[in-house]
Amino acid sequence: ILFGETAGLFEYLYGREKDLLKTARRFLVRWE
């Protein structure tokens, strides 16, 4: 279970696009 991880849904729906891209990249690195 990936506690404390987020794919960026908050940034996707309510945030800025650059923050979404940053969160997405970070999540992909942690997924690996």
All heavy atoms as atom14 arrays in JSON, in Angstrom:
{
  "sequence": "ILFGETAGLFEYLYGREKDLLKTARRFLVRWE",
  "atom14_mask": [
    [1, 1, 1, 1, 1, 1, 1, 1, 0, 0, 0, 0, 0, 0],
    [1, 1, 1, 1, 1, 1, 1, 1, 0, 0, 0, 0, 0, 0],
    [1, 1, 1, 1, 1, 1, 1, 1, 1, 1, 1, 0, 0, 0],
    [1, 1, 1, 1, 0, 0, 0, 0, 0, 0, 0, 0, 0, 0],
    [1, 1, 1, 1, 1, 1, 1, 1, 1, 0, 0, 0, 0, 0],
    [1, 1, 1, 1, 1, 1, 1, 0, 0, 0, 0, 0, 0, 0],
    [1, 1, 1, 1, 1, 0, 0, 0, 0, 0, 0, 0, 0, 0],
    [1, 1, 1, 1, 0, 0, 0, 0, 0, 0, 0, 0, 0, 0],
    [1, 1, 1, 1, 1, 1, 1, 1, 0, 0, 0, 0, 0, 0],
    [1, 1, 1, 1, 1, 1, 1, 1, 1, 1, 1, 0, 0, 0],
    [1, 1, 1, 1, 1, 1, 1, 1, 1, 0, 0, 0, 0, 0],
    [1, 1, 1, 1, 1, 1, 1, 1, 1, 1, 1, 1, 0, 0],
    [1, 1, 1, 1, 1, 1, 1, 1, 0, 0, 0, 0, 0, 0],
    [1, 1, 1, 1, 1, 1, 1, 1, 1, 1, 1, 1, 0, 0],
    [1, 1, 1, 1, 0, 0, 0, 0, 0, 0, 0, 0, 0, 0],
    [1, 1, 1, 1, 1, 1, 1, 1, 1, 1, 1, 0, 0, 0],
    [1, 1, 1, 1, 1, 1, 1, 1, 1, 0, 0, 0, 0, 0],
    [1, 1, 1, 1, 1, 1, 1, 1, 1, 0, 0, 0, 0, 0],
    [1, 1, 1, 1, 1, 1, 1, 1, 0, 0, 0, 0, 0, 0],
    [1, 1, 1, 1, 1, 1, 1, 1, 0, 0, 0, 0, 0, 0],
    [1, 1, 1, 1, 1, 1, 1, 1, 0, 0, 0, 0, 0, 0],
    [1, 1, 1, 1, 1, 1, 1, 1, 1, 0, 0, 0, 0, 0],
    [1, 1, 1, 1, 1, 1, 1, 0, 0, 0, 0, 0, 0, 0],
    [1, 1, 1, 1, 1, 0, 0, 0, 0, 0, 0, 0, 0, 0],
    [1, 1, 1, 1, 1, 1, 1, 1, 1, 1, 1, 0, 0, 0],
    [1, 1, 1, 1, 1, 1, 1, 1, 1, 1, 1, 0, 0, 0],
    [1, 1, 1, 1, 1, 1, 1, 1, 1, 1, 1, 0, 0, 0],
    [1, 1, 1, 1, 1, 1, 1, 1, 0, 0, 0, 0, 0, 0],
    [1, 1, 1, 1, 1, 1, 1, 0, 0, 0, 0, 0, 0, 0],
    [1, 1, 1, 1, 1, 1, 1, 1, 1, 1, 1, 0, 0, 0],
    [1, 1, 1, 1, 1, 1, 1, 1, 1, 1, 1, 1, 1, 1],
    [1, 1, 1, 1, 1, 1, 1, 1, 1, 0, 0, 0, 0, 0]
  ],
  "atom14_positions": [
    [[0.85, -1.19, 0.0], [0.0, 0.0, 0.0], [0.88, 1.24, 0.0], [1.78, 1.37, 0.84], [-0.94, 0.02, 1.22], [-1.75, -1.28, 1.29], [-1.87, 1.22, 1.15], [-2.6, -1.4, 2.53], [0.0, 0.0, 0.0], [0.0, 0.0, 0.0], [0.0, 0.0, 0.0], [0.0, 0.0, 0.0], [0.0, 0.0, 0.0], [0.0, 0.0, 0.0]],
    [[0.64, 2.15, -0.93], [1.45, 3.35, -1.08], [0.85, 4.49, -0.25], [0.22, 5.41, -0.77], [1.55, 3.75, -2.55], [2.04, 2.67, -3.52], [2.17, 3.24, -4.92], [3.36, 2.07, -3.05], [0.0, 0.0, 0.0], [0.0, 0.0, 0.0], [0.0, 0.0, 0.0], [0.0, 0.0, 0.0], [0.0, 0.0, 0.0], [0.0, 0.0, 0.0]],
    [[1.05, 4.42, 1.06], [0.55, 5.48, 1.93], [1.35, 6.77, 1.68], [2.56, 6.73, 1.46], [0.7, 5.09, 3.4], [-0.28, 4.07, 3.86], [0.13, 2.79, 4.22], [-1.64, 4.37, 3.94], [-0.78, 1.85, 4.66], [-2.56, 3.42, 4.37], [-2.13, 2.16, 4.73], [0.0, 0.0, 0.0], [0.0, 0.0, 0.0], [0.0, 0.0, 0.0]],
    [[0.66, 7.89, 1.72], [1.34, 9.18, 1.58], [1.69, 9.56, 0.16], [2.25, 10.62, -0.08], [0.0, 0.0, 0.0], [0.0, 0.0, 0.0], [0.0, 0.0, 0.0], [0.0, 0.0, 0.0], [0.0, 0.0, 0.0], [0.0, 0.0, 0.0], [0.0, 0.0, 0.0], [0.0, 0.0, 0.0], [0.0, 0.0, 0.0], [0.0, 0.0, 0.0]],
    [[1.38, 8.69, -0.81], [1.66, 9.0, -2.21], [0.42, 9.58, -2.88], [-0.71, 9.26, -2.5], [2.12, 7.76, -2.97], [3.39, 7.12, -2.43], [4.62, 7.96, -2.7], [4.53, 8.94, -3.45], [5.68, 7.64, -2.13], [0.0, 0.0, 0.0], [0.0, 0.0, 0.0], [0.0, 0.0, 0.0], [0.0, 0.0, 0.0], [0.0, 0.0, 0.0]],
    [[0.64, 10.4, -3.89], [-0.46, 10.96, -4.67], [-0.04, 11.08, -6.12], [1.11, 11.41, -6.42], [-0.88, 12.35, -4.14], [-1.81, 12.96, -5.05], [0.31, 13.27, -3.96], [0.0, 0.0, 0.0], [0.0, 0.0, 0.0], [0.0, 0.0, 0.0], [0.0, 0.0, 0.0], [0.0, 0.0, 0.0], [0.0, 0.0, 0.0], [0.0, 0.0, 0.0]],
    [[-0.98, 10.79, -7.01], [-0.7, 10.87, -8.45], [-0.9, 12.27, -9.0], [-0.6, 12.53, -10.16], [-1.59, 9.88, -9.2], [0.0, 0.0, 0.0], [0.0, 0.0, 0.0], [0.0, 0.0, 0.0], [0.0, 0.0, 0.0], [0.0, 0.0, 0.0], [0.0, 0.0, 0.0], [0.0, 0.0, 0.0], [0.0, 0.0, 0.0], [0.0, 0.0, 0.0]],
    [[-1.43, 13.19, -8.18], [-1.61, 14.57, -8.63], [-3.04, 14.93, -8.96], [-3.28, 15.89, -9.7], [0.0, 0.0, 0.0], [0.0, 0.0, 0.0], [0.0, 0.0, 0.0], [0.0, 0.0, 0.0], [0.0, 0.0, 0.0], [0.0, 0.0, 0.0], [0.0, 0.0, 0.0], [0.0, 0.0, 0.0], [0.0, 0.0, 0.0], [0.0, 0.0, 0.0]],
    [[-4.01, 14.2, -8.39], [-5.41, 14.48, -8.7], [-5.82, 15.88, -8.24], [-6.57, 16.58, -8.94], [-6.32, 13.43, -8.07], [-7.82, 13.55, -8.39], [-8.06, 13.38, -9.9], [-8.63, 12.53, -7.61], [0.0, 0.0, 0.0], [0.0, 0.0, 0.0], [0.0, 0.0, 0.0], [0.0, 0.0, 0.0], [0.0, 0.0, 0.0], [0.0, 0.0, 0.0]],
    [[-5.33, 16.3, -7.08], [-5.65, 17.65, -6.6], [-5.14, 18.71, -7.57], [-5.86, 19.65, -7.92], [-5.04, 17.88, -5.21], [-5.13, 19.3, -4.74], [-6.33, 19.81, -4.26], [-4.02, 20.14, -4.81], [-6.42, 21.15, -3.86], [-4.1, 21.46, -4.39], [-5.3, 21.96, -3.92], [0.0, 0.0, 0.0], [0.0, 0.0, 0.0], [0.0, 0.0, 0.0]],
    [[-3.9, 18.56, -8.02], [-3.34, 19.53, -8.97], [-4.08, 19.47, -10.3], [-4.27, 20.51, -10.96], [-1.85, 19.25, -9.19], [-0.96, 19.58, -8.01], [-1.02, 18.54, -6.9], [-1.57, 17.43, -7.14], [-0.52, 18.81, -5.8], [0.0, 0.0, 0.0], [0.0, 0.0, 0.0], [0.0, 0.0, 0.0], [0.0, 0.0, 0.0], [0.0, 0.0, 0.0]],
    [[-4.51, 18.29, -10.69], [-5.24, 18.12, -11.95], [-6.57, 18.85, -11.94], [-6.95, 19.51, -12.9], [-5.45, 16.62, -12.18], [-6.28, 16.25, -13.39], [-5.88, 16.58, -14.67], [-7.47, 15.54, -13.23], [-6.64, 16.23, -15.77], [-8.23, 15.17, -14.32], [-7.82, 15.52, -15.58], [-8.58, 15.18, -16.67], [0.0, 0.0, 0.0], [0.0, 0.0, 0.0]],
    [[-7.28, 18.76, -10.81], [-8.62, 19.36, -10.73], [-8.6, 20.8, -10.22], [-9.45, 21.6, -10.64], [-9.51, 18.52, -9.8], [-9.83, 17.1, -10.28], [-10.61, 16.36, -9.21], [-10.6, 17.12, -11.59], [0.0, 0.0, 0.0], [0.0, 0.0, 0.0], [0.0, 0.0, 0.0], [0.0, 0.0, 0.0], [0.0, 0.0, 0.0], [0.0, 0.0, 0.0]],
    [[-7.65, 21.13, -9.35], [-7.72, 22.43, -8.68], [-6.44, 23.25, -8.73], [-6.43, 24.39, -8.27], [-8.09, 22.23, -7.19], [-9.34, 21.41, -6.99], [-9.29, 20.14, -6.42], [-10.58, 21.91, -7.37], [-10.44, 19.39, -6.24], [-11.73, 21.16, -7.19], [-11.65, 19.91, -6.62], [-12.78, 19.17, -6.44], [0.0, 0.0, 0.0], [0.0, 0.0, 0.0]],
    [[-5.36, 22.67, -9.25], [-4.08, 23.36, -9.2], [-3.59, 23.84, -10.55], [-4.31, 23.85, -11.54], [0.0, 0.0, 0.0], [0.0, 0.0, 0.0], [0.0, 0.0, 0.0], [0.0, 0.0, 0.0], [0.0, 0.0, 0.0], [0.0, 0.0, 0.0], [0.0, 0.0, 0.0], [0.0, 0.0, 0.0], [0.0, 0.0, 0.0], [0.0, 0.0, 0.0]],
    [[-2.31, 24.2, -10.55], [-1.68, 24.7, -11.76], [-1.09, 23.53, -12.55], [-0.7, 22.52, -11.99], [-0.58, 25.7, -11.41], [-1.07, 26.94, -10.69], [0.07, 27.86, -10.31], [1.0, 27.2, -9.4], [2.12, 27.76, -8.96], [2.44, 28.99, -9.36], [2.92, 27.1, -8.14], [0.0, 0.0, 0.0], [0.0, 0.0, 0.0], [0.0, 0.0, 0.0]],
    [[-0.99, 23.73, -13.87], [-0.52, 22.66, -14.73], [0.93, 22.3, -14.43], [1.3, 21.12, -14.44], [-0.67, 23.04, -16.2], [-0.47, 21.89, -17.15], [-0.88, 22.22, -18.56], [-0.73, 23.39, -18.97], [-1.37, 21.32, -19.25], [0.0, 0.0, 0.0], [0.0, 0.0, 0.0], [0.0, 0.0, 0.0], [0.0, 0.0, 0.0], [0.0, 0.0, 0.0]],
    [[1.76, 23.29, -14.13], [3.17, 22.99, -13.86], [3.32, 22.18, -12.57], [4.21, 21.34, -12.47], [4.0, 24.27, -13.79], [3.69, 25.2, -12.66], [4.65, 26.4, -12.7], [4.42, 27.33, -11.51], [5.37, 28.49, -11.55], [0.0, 0.0, 0.0], [0.0, 0.0, 0.0], [0.0, 0.0, 0.0], [0.0, 0.0, 0.0], [0.0, 0.0, 0.0]],
    [[2.43, 22.41, -11.6], [2.45, 21.61, -10.38], [2.0, 20.18, -10.65], [2.51, 19.22, -10.05], [1.56, 22.25, -9.31], [2.09, 23.58, -8.82], [3.32, 23.78, -8.88], [1.28, 24.44, -8.42], [0.0, 0.0, 0.0], [0.0, 0.0, 0.0], [0.0, 0.0, 0.0], [0.0, 0.0, 0.0], [0.0, 0.0, 0.0], [0.0, 0.0, 0.0]],
    [[1.03, 20.03, -11.56], [0.58, 18.69, -11.94], [1.71, 17.91, -12.59], [1.95, 16.73, -12.27], [-0.61, 18.79, -12.9], [-1.03, 17.51, -13.62], [-1.43, 16.44, -12.62], [-2.16, 17.78, -14.59], [0.0, 0.0, 0.0], [0.0, 0.0, 0.0], [0.0, 0.0, 0.0], [0.0, 0.0, 0.0], [0.0, 0.0, 0.0], [0.0, 0.0, 0.0]],
    [[2.43, 18.54, -13.51], [3.54, 17.87, -14.2], [4.63, 17.47, -13.21], [5.2, 16.38, -13.29], [4.11, 18.78, -15.29], [3.17, 19.09, -16.45], [3.79, 20.12, -17.37], [2.85, 17.82, -17.22], [0.0, 0.0, 0.0], [0.0, 0.0, 0.0], [0.0, 0.0, 0.0], [0.0, 0.0, 0.0], [0.0, 0.0, 0.0], [0.0, 0.0, 0.0]],
    [[4.91, 18.35, -12.26], [5.92, 18.07, -11.25], [5.52, 16.88, -10.39], [6.33, 15.98, -10.12], [6.12, 19.31, -10.38], [7.17, 19.16, -9.3], [7.29, 20.45, -8.49], [8.27, 20.29, -7.34], [8.36, 21.55, -6.54], [0.0, 0.0, 0.0], [0.0, 0.0, 0.0], [0.0, 0.0, 0.0], [0.0, 0.0, 0.0], [0.0, 0.0, 0.0]],
    [[4.26, 16.85, -9.98], [3.77, 15.74, -9.14], [3.75, 14.44, -9.92], [4.1, 13.38, -9.39], [2.35, 16.05, -8.63], [2.37, 17.31, -7.92], [1.85, 14.97, -7.7], [0.0, 0.0, 0.0], [0.0, 0.0, 0.0], [0.0, 0.0, 0.0], [0.0, 0.0, 0.0], [0.0, 0.0, 0.0], [0.0, 0.0, 0.0], [0.0, 0.0, 0.0]],
    [[3.34, 14.5, -11.19], [3.29, 13.3, -12.03], [4.68, 12.69, -12.21], [4.86, 11.48, -12.1], [2.67, 13.63, -13.38], [0.0, 0.0, 0.0], [0.0, 0.0, 0.0], [0.0, 0.0, 0.0], [0.0, 0.0, 0.0], [0.0, 0.0, 0.0], [0.0, 0.0, 0.0], [0.0, 0.0, 0.0], [0.0, 0.0, 0.0], [0.0, 0.0, 0.0]],
    [[5.67, 13.55, -12.49], [7.04, 13.05, -12.67], [7.55, 12.4, -11.38], [8.17, 11.34, -11.4], [7.96, 14.21, -13.07], [7.73, 14.74, -14.47], [8.85, 15.67, -14.88], [8.56, 16.31, -16.17], [8.09, 17.54, -16.29], [7.86, 18.28, -15.22], [7.85, 18.05, -17.48], [0.0, 0.0, 0.0], [0.0, 0.0, 0.0], [0.0, 0.0, 0.0]],
    [[7.28, 13.05, -10.25], [7.73, 12.52, -8.97], [7.07, 11.18, -8.67], [7.73, 10.25, -8.17], [7.43, 13.53, -7.85], [7.92, 13.08, -6.48], [7.79, 14.18, -5.46], [6.41, 14.62, -5.31], [6.06, 15.66, -4.58], [6.97, 16.39, -3.96], [4.79, 15.99, -4.48], [0.0, 0.0, 0.0], [0.0, 0.0, 0.0], [0.0, 0.0, 0.0]],
    [[5.78, 11.06, -8.98], [5.09, 9.8, -8.72], [5.64, 8.68, -9.6], [5.8, 7.54, -9.13], [3.59, 9.95, -8.96], [2.82, 8.68, -8.75], [2.64, 8.17, -7.47], [2.3, 7.97, -9.82], [1.96, 6.98, -7.26], [1.61, 6.79, -9.63], [1.44, 6.3, -8.35], [0.0, 0.0, 0.0], [0.0, 0.0, 0.0], [0.0, 0.0, 0.0]],
    [[5.94, 8.97, -10.86], [6.49, 7.95, -11.75], [7.85, 7.46, -11.26], [8.16, 6.26, -11.33], [6.62, 8.5, -13.17], [5.28, 8.71, -13.91], [5.53, 9.4, -15.25], [4.57, 7.39, -14.12], [0.0, 0.0, 0.0], [0.0, 0.0, 0.0], [0.0, 0.0, 0.0], [0.0, 0.0, 0.0], [0.0, 0.0, 0.0], [0.0, 0.0, 0.0]],
    [[8.67, 8.37, -10.75], [9.98, 8.0, -10.2], [9.8, 7.08, -9.0], [10.5, 6.06, -8.86], [10.78, 9.26, -9.81], [12.02, 8.89, -9.0], [11.2, 10.04, -11.06], [0.0, 0.0, 0.0], [0.0, 0.0, 0.0], [0.0, 0.0, 0.0], [0.0, 0.0, 0.0], [0.0, 0.0, 0.0], [0.0, 0.0, 0.0], [0.0, 0.0, 0.0]],
    [[8.85, 7.4, -8.13], [8.62, 6.58, -6.94], [7.99, 5.25, -7.29], [8.24, 4.24, -6.63], [7.75, 7.36, -5.95], [8.47, 8.57, -5.37], [7.62, 9.3, -4.35], [8.35, 10.44, -3.81], [7.87, 11.26, -2.88], [6.66, 11.07, -2.39], [8.59, 12.26, -2.44], [0.0, 0.0, 0.0], [0.0, 0.0, 0.0], [0.0, 0.0, 0.0]],
    [[7.17, 5.24, -8.32], [6.58, 3.98, -8.79], [7.69, 3.02, -9.2], [7.68, 1.83, -8.86], [5.65, 4.27, -9.96], [4.82, 3.11, -10.42], [4.89, 1.81, -10.01], [3.78, 3.16, -11.41], [3.97, 1.04, -10.69], [3.26, 1.84, -11.55], [3.23, 4.18, -12.19], [2.25, 1.53, -12.43], [2.2, 3.86, -13.07], [1.72, 2.55, -13.19]],
    [[8.68, 3.53, -9.93], [9.81, 2.7, -10.33], [10.62, 2.25, -9.12], [11.14, 1.14, -9.08], [10.71, 3.48, -11.29], [10.07, 3.72, -12.65], [10.99, 4.48, -13.59], [12.09, 4.88, -13.14], [10.62, 4.68, -14.76], [0.0, 0.0, 0.0], [0.0, 0.0, 0.0], [0.0, 0.0, 0.0], [0.0, 0.0, 0.0], [0.0, 0.0, 0.0]]
  ]
}
